[in-house]
C-alpha atoms as a PDB file:
ATOM      1  CA  MET A   1     -12.363  35.894  18.027  1.00  0.00           C
ATOM      2  CA  MET A   2     -14.374  33.708  15.701  1.00  0.00           C
ATOM      3  CA  GLY A   3     -12.881  30.954  13.581  1.00  0.00           C
ATOM      4  CA  MET A   4     -11.930  32.164  10.115  1.00  0.00           C
ATOM      5  CA  ARG A   5     -10.049  30.439   7.364  1.00  0.00           C
ATOM      6  CA  LEU A   6      -9.445  30.770   3.684  1.00  0.00           C
ATOM      7  CA  ASP A   7     -12.232  28.775   2.012  1.00  0.00           C
ATOM      8  CA  HIS A   8     -11.672  29.271  -1.705  1.00  0.00           C
ATOM      9  CA  LEU A   9     -10.485  31.484  -4.533  1.00  0.00           C
ATOM     10  CA  SER A  10     -12.891  32.559  -7.215  1.00  0.00           C
ATOM     11  CA  TYR A  11     -11.908  33.152 -10.850  1.00  0.00           C
ATOM     12  CA  ALA A  12     -14.351  34.540 -13.415  1.00  0.00           C
ATOM     13  CA  ALA A  13     -14.513  32.868 -16.824  1.00  0.00           C
ATOM     14  CA  GLY A  14     -13.387  34.928 -19.794  1.00  0.00           C
ATOM     15  CA  PRO A  15     -15.442  35.798 -22.884  1.00  0.00           C
ATOM     16  CA  ASP A  16     -14.612  32.362 -24.329  1.00  0.00           C
ATOM     17  CA  GLY A  17     -16.774  30.802 -21.606  1.00  0.00           C
ATOM     18  CA  LEU A  18     -16.452  28.413 -18.695  1.00  0.00           C
ATOM     19  CA  ALA A  19     -15.276  25.333 -20.596  1.00  0.00           C
ATOM     20  CA  SER A  20     -12.407  27.131 -22.368  1.00  0.00           C
ATOM     21  CA  THR A  21     -11.270  29.028 -19.277  1.00  0.00           C
ATOM     22  CA  THR A  22     -11.347  25.843 -17.206  1.00  0.00           C
ATOM     23  CA  GLN A  23      -9.416  23.919 -19.841  1.00  0.00           C
ATOM     24  CA  ARG A  24      -6.763  26.648 -20.032  1.00  0.00           C
ATOM     25  CA  ILE A  25      -6.231  26.912 -16.261  1.00  0.00           C
ATOM     26  CA  GLY A  26      -6.496  23.164 -15.739  1.00  0.00           C
ATOM     27  CA  GLY A  27      -3.850  22.785 -18.446  1.00  0.00           C
ATOM     28  CA  LEU A  28      -1.515  25.215 -16.673  1.00  0.00           C
ATOM     29  CA  LEU A  29      -1.966  23.435 -13.343  1.00  0.00           C
ATOM     30  CA  GLY A  30      -1.832  19.951 -14.839  1.00  0.00           C
ATOM     31  CA  ARG A  31      -5.140  18.805 -13.382  1.00  0.00           C
ATOM     32  CA  ASP A  32      -8.779  18.683 -14.454  1.00  0.00           C
ATOM     33  CA  PHE A  33     -11.619  20.575 -12.806  1.00  0.00           C
ATOM     34  CA  THR A  34     -14.895  18.910 -11.858  1.00  0.00           C
ATOM     35  CA  ASP A  35     -18.357  20.262 -12.596  1.00  0.00           C
ATOM     36  CA  GLY A  36     -19.657  22.070  -9.523  1.00  0.00           C
ATOM     37  CA  GLY A  37     -23.172  22.727 -10.800  1.00  0.00           C
ATOM     38  CA  VAL A  38     -25.524  25.712 -10.985  1.00  0.00           C
ATOM     39  CA  HIS A  39     -26.206  28.366  -8.297  1.00  0.00           C
ATOM     40  CA  PRO A  40     -29.907  29.055  -8.981  1.00  0.00           C
ATOM     41  CA  ARG A  41     -30.151  32.042  -6.622  1.00  0.00           C
ATOM     42  CA  PHE A  42     -27.147  33.815  -8.120  1.00  0.00           C
ATOM     43  CA  GLY A  43     -27.553  32.933 -11.805  1.00  0.00           C
ATOM     44  CA  THR A  44     -24.071  31.406 -11.973  1.00  0.00           C
ATOM     45  CA  ARG A  45     -22.405  28.009 -12.282  1.00  0.00           C
ATOM     46  CA  ASN A  46     -18.927  26.785 -11.440  1.00  0.00           C
ATOM     47  CA  MET A  47     -16.182  24.232 -11.981  1.00  0.00           C
ATOM     48  CA  ILE A  48     -14.041  23.182  -9.023  1.00  0.00           C
ATOM     49  CA  MET A  49     -10.544  21.987  -8.212  1.00  0.00           C
ATOM     50  CA  PRO A  50     -10.033  20.805  -4.596  1.00  0.00           C
ATOM     51  CA  LEU A  51      -6.737  21.900  -3.023  1.00  0.00           C
ATOM     52  CA  ALA A  52      -4.868  20.873   0.120  1.00  0.00           C
ATOM     53  CA  ASP A  53      -5.639  22.486   3.514  1.00  0.00           C
ATOM     54  CA  GLY A  54      -9.421  22.537   3.060  1.00  0.00           C
ATOM     55  CA  THR A  55      -9.415  25.098   0.263  1.00  0.00           C
ATOM     56  CA  TYR A  56     -10.398  24.948  -3.383  1.00  0.00           C
ATOM     57  CA  LEU A  57     -10.301  26.899  -6.608  1.00  0.00           C
ATOM     58  CA  GLU A  58     -13.520  27.706  -8.455  1.00  0.00           C
ATOM     59  CA  ILE A  59     -14.007  29.060 -11.929  1.00  0.00           C
ATOM     60  CA  VAL A  60     -17.395  30.671 -12.222  1.00  0.00           C
ATOM     61  CA  GLU A  61     -19.550  31.846 -15.121  1.00  0.00           C
ATOM     62  CA  VAL A  62     -22.699  33.939 -15.212  1.00  0.00           C
ATOM     63  CA  LEU A  63     -25.767  32.360 -16.826  1.00  0.00           C
ATOM     64  CA  ASP A  64     -28.313  34.066 -19.012  1.00  0.00           C
ATOM     65  CA  HIS A  65     -30.715  34.111 -16.088  1.00  0.00           C
ATOM     66  CA  PRO A  66     -32.688  36.907 -14.358  1.00  0.00           C
ATOM     67  CA  ALA A  67     -31.090  36.059 -10.978  1.00  0.00           C
ATOM     68  CA  SER A  68     -27.673  37.082 -12.301  1.00  0.00           C
ATOM     69  CA  ASP A  69     -28.894  40.677 -12.762  1.00  0.00           C
ATOM     70  CA  LYS A  70     -30.353  40.898  -9.245  1.00  0.00           C
ATOM     71  CA  ALA A  71     -27.880  38.968  -7.091  1.00  0.00           C
ATOM     72  CA  PRO A  72     -24.665  40.813  -6.172  1.00  0.00           C
ATOM     73  CA  PHE A  73     -22.610  37.657  -6.824  1.00  0.00           C
ATOM     74  CA  GLY A  74     -24.044  37.358 -10.351  1.00  0.00           C
ATOM     75  CA  GLN A  75     -23.347  41.056 -10.944  1.00  0.00           C
ATOM     76  CA  ALA A  76     -19.753  40.665  -9.727  1.00  0.00           C
ATOM     77  CA  VAL A  77     -19.095  37.682 -11.994  1.00  0.00           C
ATOM     78  CA  ARG A  78     -20.699  39.392 -15.002  1.00  0.00           C
ATOM     79  CA  ALA A  79     -18.615  42.546 -14.494  1.00  0.00           C
ATOM     80  CA  ARG A  80     -15.347  40.595 -14.183  1.00  0.00           C
ATOM     81  CA  SER A  81     -16.087  38.429 -17.213  1.00  0.00           C
ATOM     82  CA  ALA A  82     -16.954  41.543 -19.226  1.00  0.00           C
ATOM     83  CA  LEU A  83     -13.439  42.837 -18.451  1.00  0.00           C
ATOM     84  CA  GLY A  84     -12.005  39.657 -19.991  1.00  0.00           C
ATOM     85  CA  GLY A  85     -12.296  37.369 -16.961  1.00  0.00           C
ATOM     86  CA  GLY A  86      -9.740  36.838 -14.219  1.00  0.00           C
ATOM     87  CA  TRP A  87      -9.537  36.791 -10.443  1.00  0.00           C
ATOM     88  CA  LEU A  88     -12.825  37.691  -8.817  1.00  0.00           C
ATOM     89  CA  GLY A  89     -11.721  37.397  -5.204  1.00  0.00           C
ATOM     90  CA  TRP A  90     -11.031  35.292  -2.166  1.00  0.00           C
ATOM     91  CA  VAL A  91     -13.543  33.878   0.250  1.00  0.00           C
ATOM     92  CA  VAL A  92     -13.264  33.402   4.008  1.00  0.00           C
ATOM     93  CA  ALA A  93     -15.220  30.678   5.827  1.00  0.00           C
ATOM     94  CA  VAL A  94     -16.538  31.588   9.271  1.00  0.00           C
ATOM     95  CA  ASP A  95     -18.087  29.435  11.997  1.00  0.00           C
ATOM     96  CA  ASP A  96     -20.826  31.947  12.742  1.00  0.00           C
ATOM     97  CA  ILE A  97     -21.906  34.375  10.046  1.00  0.00           C
ATOM     98  CA  THR A  98     -24.255  36.249  12.420  1.00  0.00           C
ATOM     99  CA  THR A  99     -21.159  37.974  13.867  1.00  0.00           C
ATOM    100  CA  VAL A 100     -20.412  39.356  10.393  1.00  0.00           C
ATOM    101  CA  GLU A 101     -24.088  40.257   9.809  1.00  0.00           C
ATOM    102  CA  LYS A 102     -24.059  42.350  12.982  1.00  0.00           C
ATOM    103  CA  ARG A 103     -20.832  44.060  12.021  1.00  0.00           C
ATOM    104  CA  LEU A 104     -21.919  44.868   8.453  1.00  0.00           C
ATOM    105  CA  GLY A 105     -25.474  45.692   9.508  1.00  0.00           C
ATOM    106  CA  ARG A 106     -27.235  43.433   7.005  1.00  0.00           C
ATOM    107  CA  GLU A 107     -28.337  39.863   6.486  1.00  0.00           C
ATOM    108  CA  ALA A 108     -26.441  37.138   4.693  1.00  0.00           C
ATOM    109  CA  ALA A 109     -27.817  35.722   1.438  1.00  0.00           C
ATOM    110  CA  THR A 110     -28.643  32.030   1.272  1.00  0.00           C
ATOM    111  CA  GLY A 111     -26.855  30.119  -1.463  1.00  0.00           C
ATOM    112  CA  ASN A 112     -27.191  26.622  -2.816  1.00  0.00           C
ATOM    113  CA  ARG A 113     -26.132  24.536  -5.755  1.00  0.00           C
ATOM    114  CA  TYR A 114     -26.780  21.030  -6.971  1.00  0.00           C
ATOM    115  CA  ARG A 115     -23.830  18.917  -7.958  1.00  0.00           C
ATOM    116  CA  PRO A 116     -24.268  16.834 -11.125  1.00  0.00           C
ATOM    117  CA  ASP A 117     -24.965  13.797  -8.891  1.00  0.00           C
ATOM    118  CA  GLY A 118     -27.944  15.653  -7.389  1.00  0.00           C
ATOM    119  CA  THR A 119     -26.359  16.404  -3.999  1.00  0.00           C
ATOM    120  CA  GLU A 120     -27.415  19.833  -2.752  1.00  0.00           C
ATOM    121  CA  LEU A 121     -24.812  22.071  -1.104  1.00  0.00           C
ATOM    122  CA  ARG A 122     -26.103  24.926   1.071  1.00  0.00           C
ATOM    123  CA  TRP A 123     -24.435  27.956   2.611  1.00  0.00           C
ATOM    124  CA  LYS A 124     -24.876  31.581   3.601  1.00  0.00           C
ATOM    125  CA  GLN A 125     -22.704  34.354   2.226  1.00  0.00           C
ATOM    126  CA  ILE A 126     -22.269  38.050   2.901  1.00  0.00           C
ATOM    127  CA  GLY A 127     -19.945  40.821   1.759  1.00  0.00           C
ATOM    128  CA  VAL A 128     -20.093  40.514  -2.038  1.00  0.00           C
ATOM    129  CA  ASN A 129     -21.089  44.192  -2.266  1.00  0.00           C
ATOM    130  CA  GLY A 130     -17.871  44.986  -0.391  1.00  0.00           C
ATOM    131  CA  LEU A 131     -15.889  43.026  -2.978  1.00  0.00           C
ATOM    132  CA  ILE A 132     -17.664  44.848  -5.829  1.00  0.00           C
ATOM    133  CA  ALA A 133     -16.776  48.222  -4.271  1.00  0.00           C
ATOM    134  CA  ASP A 134     -13.224  47.216  -3.303  1.00  0.00           C
ATOM    135  CA  PRO A 135     -12.010  43.945  -4.890  1.00  0.00           C
ATOM    136  CA  GLN A 136      -9.194  43.410  -2.365  1.00  0.00           C
ATOM    137  CA  LEU A 137     -11.867  42.571   0.239  1.00  0.00           C
ATOM    138  CA  PRO A 138     -12.938  38.946   0.631  1.00  0.00           C
ATOM    139  CA  PHE A 139     -16.527  37.917   1.191  1.00  0.00           C
ATOM    140  CA  PHE A 140     -17.674  35.547   3.929  1.00  0.00           C
ATOM    141  CA  ILE A 141     -19.305  32.124   3.787  1.00  0.00           C
ATOM    142  CA  GLU A 142     -20.773  29.806   6.384  1.00  0.00           C
ATOM    143  CA  TRP A 143     -21.350  26.281   5.076  1.00  0.00           C
ATOM    144  CA  ASP A 144     -24.431  24.327   6.074  1.00  0.00           C
ATOM    145  CA  ILE A 145     -23.161  20.876   5.056  1.00  0.00           C
ATOM    146  CA  PRO A 146     -21.221  17.990   6.584  1.00  0.00           C
ATOM    147  CA  ALA A 147     -17.445  18.369   6.220  1.00  0.00           C
ATOM    148  CA  GLU A 148     -17.196  15.508   3.731  1.00  0.00           C
ATOM    149  CA  LEU A 149     -19.366  17.439   1.252  1.00  0.00           C
ATOM    150  CA  HIS A 150     -17.130  20.539   1.311  1.00  0.00           C
ATOM    151  CA  PRO A 151     -15.790  21.214  -2.220  1.00  0.00           C
ATOM    152  CA  SER A 152     -12.227  20.664  -0.978  1.00  0.00           C
ATOM    153  CA  ALA A 153     -13.039  17.013  -0.197  1.00  0.00           C
ATOM    154  CA  GLY A 154     -11.035  14.502  -2.185  1.00  0.00           C
ATOM    155  CA  ALA A 155      -8.122  16.899  -2.708  1.00  0.00           C
ATOM    156  CA  ASP A 156      -4.883  15.557  -4.115  1.00  0.00           C
ATOM    157  CA  GLY A 157      -2.381  16.755  -1.485  1.00  0.00           C
ATOM    158  CA  ARG A 158       0.177  17.571  -4.201  1.00  0.00           C
ATOM    159  CA  PHE A 159      -1.878  20.611  -5.282  1.00  0.00           C
ATOM    160  CA  SER A 160      -1.998  23.538  -2.884  1.00  0.00           C
ATOM    161  CA  LEU A 161      -2.151  27.313  -2.780  1.00  0.00           C
ATOM    162  CA  ALA A 162       1.380  28.583  -2.129  1.00  0.00           C
ATOM    163  CA  CYS A 163       1.037  32.353  -2.360  1.00  0.00           C
ATOM    164  CA  LEU A 164      -1.549  35.057  -3.008  1.00  0.00           C
ATOM    165  CA  GLU A 165      -0.476  38.335  -4.573  1.00  0.00           C
ATOM    166  CA  ILE A 166      -2.961  41.041  -3.619  1.00  0.00           C
ATOM    167  CA  ALA A 167      -2.921  44.682  -4.662  1.00  0.00           C
ATOM    168  CA  GLY A 168      -4.248  46.348  -1.566  1.00  0.00           C
ATOM    169  CA  ASP A 169      -3.786  47.380   2.021  1.00  0.00           C
ATOM    170  CA  PRO A 170      -3.627  44.705   4.749  1.00  0.00           C
ATOM    171  CA  GLN A 171      -4.864  47.274   7.268  1.00  0.00           C
ATOM    172  CA  ARG A 172      -8.017  47.925   5.221  1.00  0.00           C
ATOM    173  CA  VAL A 173      -8.651  44.190   4.853  1.00  0.00           C
ATOM    174  CA  SER A 174      -8.095  43.618   8.584  1.00  0.00           C
ATOM    175  CA  GLU A 175     -10.709  46.291   9.393  1.00  0.00           C
ATOM    176  CA  TRP A 176     -13.158  44.555   7.032  1.00  0.00           C
ATOM    177  CA  LEU A 177     -12.505  41.150   8.610  1.00  0.00           C
ATOM    178  CA  GLY A 178     -12.868  42.534  12.123  1.00  0.00           C
ATOM    179  CA  GLU A 179      -9.535  40.960  13.033  1.00  0.00           C
ATOM    180  CA  THR A 180      -6.050  40.798  11.614  1.00  0.00           C
ATOM    181  CA  VAL A 181      -5.851  39.541   8.059  1.00  0.00           C
ATOM    182  CA  GLU A 182      -3.269  36.970   9.173  1.00  0.00           C
ATOM    183  CA  ALA A 183      -6.056  34.943  10.825  1.00  0.00           C
ATOM    184  CA  PRO A 184      -7.688  33.451   7.709  1.00  0.00           C
ATOM    185  CA  LEU A 185      -4.439  33.441   5.741  1.00  0.00           C
ATOM    186  CA  GLU A 186      -2.095  31.896   8.294  1.00  0.00           C
ATOM    187  CA  ASP A 187      -1.290  28.924   6.024  1.00  0.00           C
ATOM    188  CA  VAL A 188      -0.879  31.043   2.910  1.00  0.00           C
ATOM    189  CA  LYS A 189       1.924  33.400   2.032  1.00  0.00           C
ATOM    190  CA  VAL A 190       0.533  36.760   0.939  1.00  0.00           C
ATOM    191  CA  GLU A 191       2.433  39.395  -0.963  1.00  0.00           C
ATOM    192  CA  TRP A 192       0.769  42.788  -0.601  1.00  0.00           C
ATOM    193  CA  VAL A 193       1.422  45.223  -3.422  1.00  0.00           C
ATOM    194  CA  ALA A 194       0.420  48.888  -3.380  1.00  0.00           C
ATOM    195  CA  PRO A 195      -2.449  49.151  -5.888  1.00  0.00           C
ATOM    196  CA  HIS A 196      -1.702  50.893  -9.175  1.00  0.00           C
ATOM    197  CA  GLY A 197      -5.179  50.946 -10.616  1.00  0.00           C
ATOM    198  CA  THR A 198      -7.730  48.449  -9.340  1.00  0.00           C
ATOM    199  CA  PRO A 199      -7.077  46.640  -6.044  1.00  0.00           C
ATOM    200  CA  GLY A 200      -7.657  42.905  -5.759  1.00  0.00           C
ATOM    201  CA  ILE A 201      -5.928  39.586  -6.435  1.00  0.00           C
ATOM    202  CA  ILE A 202      -3.146  40.046  -8.989  1.00  0.00           C
ATOM    203  CA  ALA A 203      -2.076  36.410  -9.101  1.00  0.00           C
ATOM    204  CA  ALA A 204      -2.123  33.150  -7.187  1.00  0.00           C
ATOM    205  CA  GLN A 205       0.772  30.722  -7.056  1.00  0.00           C
ATOM    206  CA  PHE A 206      -0.013  27.030  -6.801  1.00  0.00           C
ATOM    207  CA  GLN A 207       2.261  24.200  -5.763  1.00  0.00           C
ATOM    208  CA  THR A 208       1.834  21.316  -8.225  1.00  0.00           C
ATOM    209  CA  PRO A 209       3.744  18.082  -8.965  1.00  0.00           C
ATOM    210  CA  ASN A 210       5.332  20.029 -11.853  1.00  0.00           C
ATOM    211  CA  GLY A 211       6.514  22.845  -9.602  1.00  0.00           C
ATOM    212  CA  LEU A 212       5.130  26.286  -8.845  1.00  0.00           C
ATOM    213  CA  VAL A 213       2.540  27.667 -11.271  1.00  0.00           C
ATOM    214  CA  ARG A 214       1.529  31.348 -11.220  1.00  0.00           C
ATOM    215  CA  ILE A 215      -1.902  32.307 -12.570  1.00  0.00           C
END
């Protein structure tokens, strides 16, 4: 069994754009997001809120950039934003992405972004096409950075992910992960709902100093 854990949740900006979406969700949670920077290979950019337990929340927007038409991640963000924005999906960090490459029979894509301070973050990701086809499925990431640069660094311990509500089938997700879905989600309560319509994240509940907030 390889190490797997929930890395982050991804939320696509609505038609009003990244700044407005971030302001709205930050307002609900009672905390500001920080600028994550641009993903040149995917034609996207994000804003980030670190959470407890090594996870974080990102809000992502597609840029008017040729990469966003070619890269699956850009396509996924564009499609979700075109539907009015909302939850794009959840992302699982793995220690060794080659295990997933072998299982899915393809190579991971290399990703990078520059934070506003110029620091480059690098990673590999795979499985976005799976998410596009079936939005209950997470995609996989292997970070190529020291732990202190992970986007969850500097989290205020009072903000954490309390519960994920997913329309989908835990059995299907377990098959996709190659092990039981409890592995990456052991610290998070998950409520599985039979999908009526599109599968995927319905809502996430966050623990904040002002109580539980459902988005």
